Amino acid sequence: MRYETIWLAVGFAGQALFSGRFLIQWIASEKKKRCIVPEAFWYLSLGGGVILLAYAIYRRDPVFIMGQSTGCFIYLRNIHFLNREKHIGVRP
């Protein structure tokens, strides 16, 4: 298999994870009839963001690299907050 084909598959996999987070958020919000951001949203965001960052680095796209690296920092920060809340027992 050619490297280009492998990297296209990586890019699509990252995009699928990244897009899946919206489906998770939408379903959770519909169930509660209010805006909900479930924990899985942040993990899918991070997984998709890291994979898309790898793809952007491979493509040498500085705009895409900047956007994904910034997003990954935000996703990690939100996961940190969630874990801290679990540890001190704030979340229900």
Protein backbone atom coordinates (compact mmCIF):
# COMPACT_ATOMS: atom_id res chain seq x y z
CA MET A 1 0.00 0.00 0.00
CA ARG A 2 1.33 3.43 -0.87
CA TYR A 3 2.14 5.92 1.89
CA GLU A 4 -0.26 8.45 0.38
CA THR A 5 -3.12 5.94 0.67
CA ILE A 6 -2.19 5.16 4.27
CA TRP A 7 -2.12 8.85 5.16
CA LEU A 8 -5.47 9.42 3.47
CA ALA A 9 -6.88 6.63 5.64
CA VAL A 10 -5.33 8.26 8.73
CA GLY A 11 -6.86 11.60 7.78
CA PHE A 12 -10.30 10.08 7.25
CA ALA A 13 -10.06 8.13 10.53
CA GLY A 14 -9.24 11.31 12.42
CA GLN A 15 -12.08 13.15 10.73
CA ALA A 16 -14.50 10.32 11.57
CA LEU A 17 -13.57 10.48 15.27
CA PHE A 18 -13.73 14.24 15.24
CA SER A 19 -17.17 14.20 13.58
CA GLY A 20 -18.43 11.47 15.90
CA ARG A 21 -18.20 13.83 18.82
CA PHE A 22 -21.01 15.96 17.38
CA LEU A 23 -23.24 12.90 17.11
CA ILE A 24 -22.52 11.99 20.75
CA GLN A 25 -23.23 15.55 21.89
CA TRP A 26 -26.43 15.80 19.87
CA ILE A 27 -27.82 12.48 21.19
CA ALA A 28 -26.97 13.40 24.80
CA SER A 29 -28.63 16.81 24.43
CA GLU A 30 -31.75 15.34 22.82
CA LYS A 31 -32.13 12.85 25.68
CA LYS A 32 -31.89 15.58 28.33
CA LYS A 33 -33.70 18.24 26.27
CA ARG A 34 -30.89 20.70 27.10
CA CYS A 35 -27.34 21.33 25.97
CA ILE A 36 -25.05 18.59 27.28
CA VAL A 37 -21.35 18.05 26.62
CA PRO A 38 -20.62 14.46 27.67
CA GLU A 39 -17.16 13.29 28.68
CA ALA A 40 -16.91 11.17 25.50
CA PHE A 41 -17.08 14.40 23.47
CA TRP A 42 -13.69 15.49 24.82
CA TYR A 43 -12.06 12.09 24.31
CA LEU A 44 -13.30 11.89 20.71
CA SER A 45 -12.14 15.48 20.21
CA LEU A 46 -8.67 14.62 21.49
CA GLY A 47 -8.41 11.37 19.53
CA GLY A 48 -9.58 12.97 16.31
CA GLY A 49 -7.47 16.07 16.92
CA VAL A 50 -4.26 14.11 17.50
CA ILE A 51 -4.81 11.97 14.41
CA LEU A 52 -5.66 15.02 12.30
CA LEU A 53 -2.59 16.79 13.70
CA ALA A 54 -0.42 13.86 12.56
CA TYR A 55 -2.04 14.08 9.14
CA ALA A 56 -1.50 17.86 9.01
CA ILE A 57 2.17 17.41 9.91
CA TYR A 58 2.52 14.81 7.17
CA ARG A 59 0.89 17.22 4.70
CA ARG A 60 3.08 20.07 6.00
CA ASP A 61 0.07 22.37 6.31
CA PRO A 62 0.96 25.11 8.82
CA VAL A 63 -2.63 26.41 9.11
CA PHE A 64 -4.00 22.94 9.83
CA ILE A 65 -1.11 22.20 12.23
CA MET A 66 -1.77 25.39 14.20
CA GLY A 67 -5.50 24.75 14.42
CA GLN A 68 -5.22 21.13 15.49
CA SER A 69 -2.43 21.70 18.00
CA THR A 70 -4.41 24.52 19.64
CA GLY A 71 -7.52 22.34 19.73
CA CYS A 72 -5.61 19.41 21.28
CA PHE A 73 -4.43 21.66 24.11
CA ILE A 74 -8.04 22.73 24.81
CA TYR A 75 -9.31 19.13 24.73
CA LEU A 76 -6.56 18.00 27.14
CA ARG A 77 -7.38 20.89 29.45
CA ASN A 78 -11.08 19.96 29.55
CA ILE A 79 -10.21 16.31 30.20
CA HIS A 80 -7.96 17.49 33.05
CA PHE A 81 -10.87 19.46 34.55
CA LEU A 82 -13.19 16.44 34.24
CA ASN A 83 -10.67 14.14 35.93
CA ARG A 84 -10.06 16.67 38.70
CA GLU A 85 -13.81 16.99 39.30
CA LYS A 86 -14.14 13.19 39.49
CA HIS A 87 -11.24 13.02 41.95
CA ILE A 88 -12.71 15.60 44.33
CA GLY A 89 -16.27 14.34 43.80
CA VAL A 90 -17.81 17.42 42.21
CA ARG A 91 -19.51 15.72 39.27
CA PRO A 92 -22.73 13.79 39.97
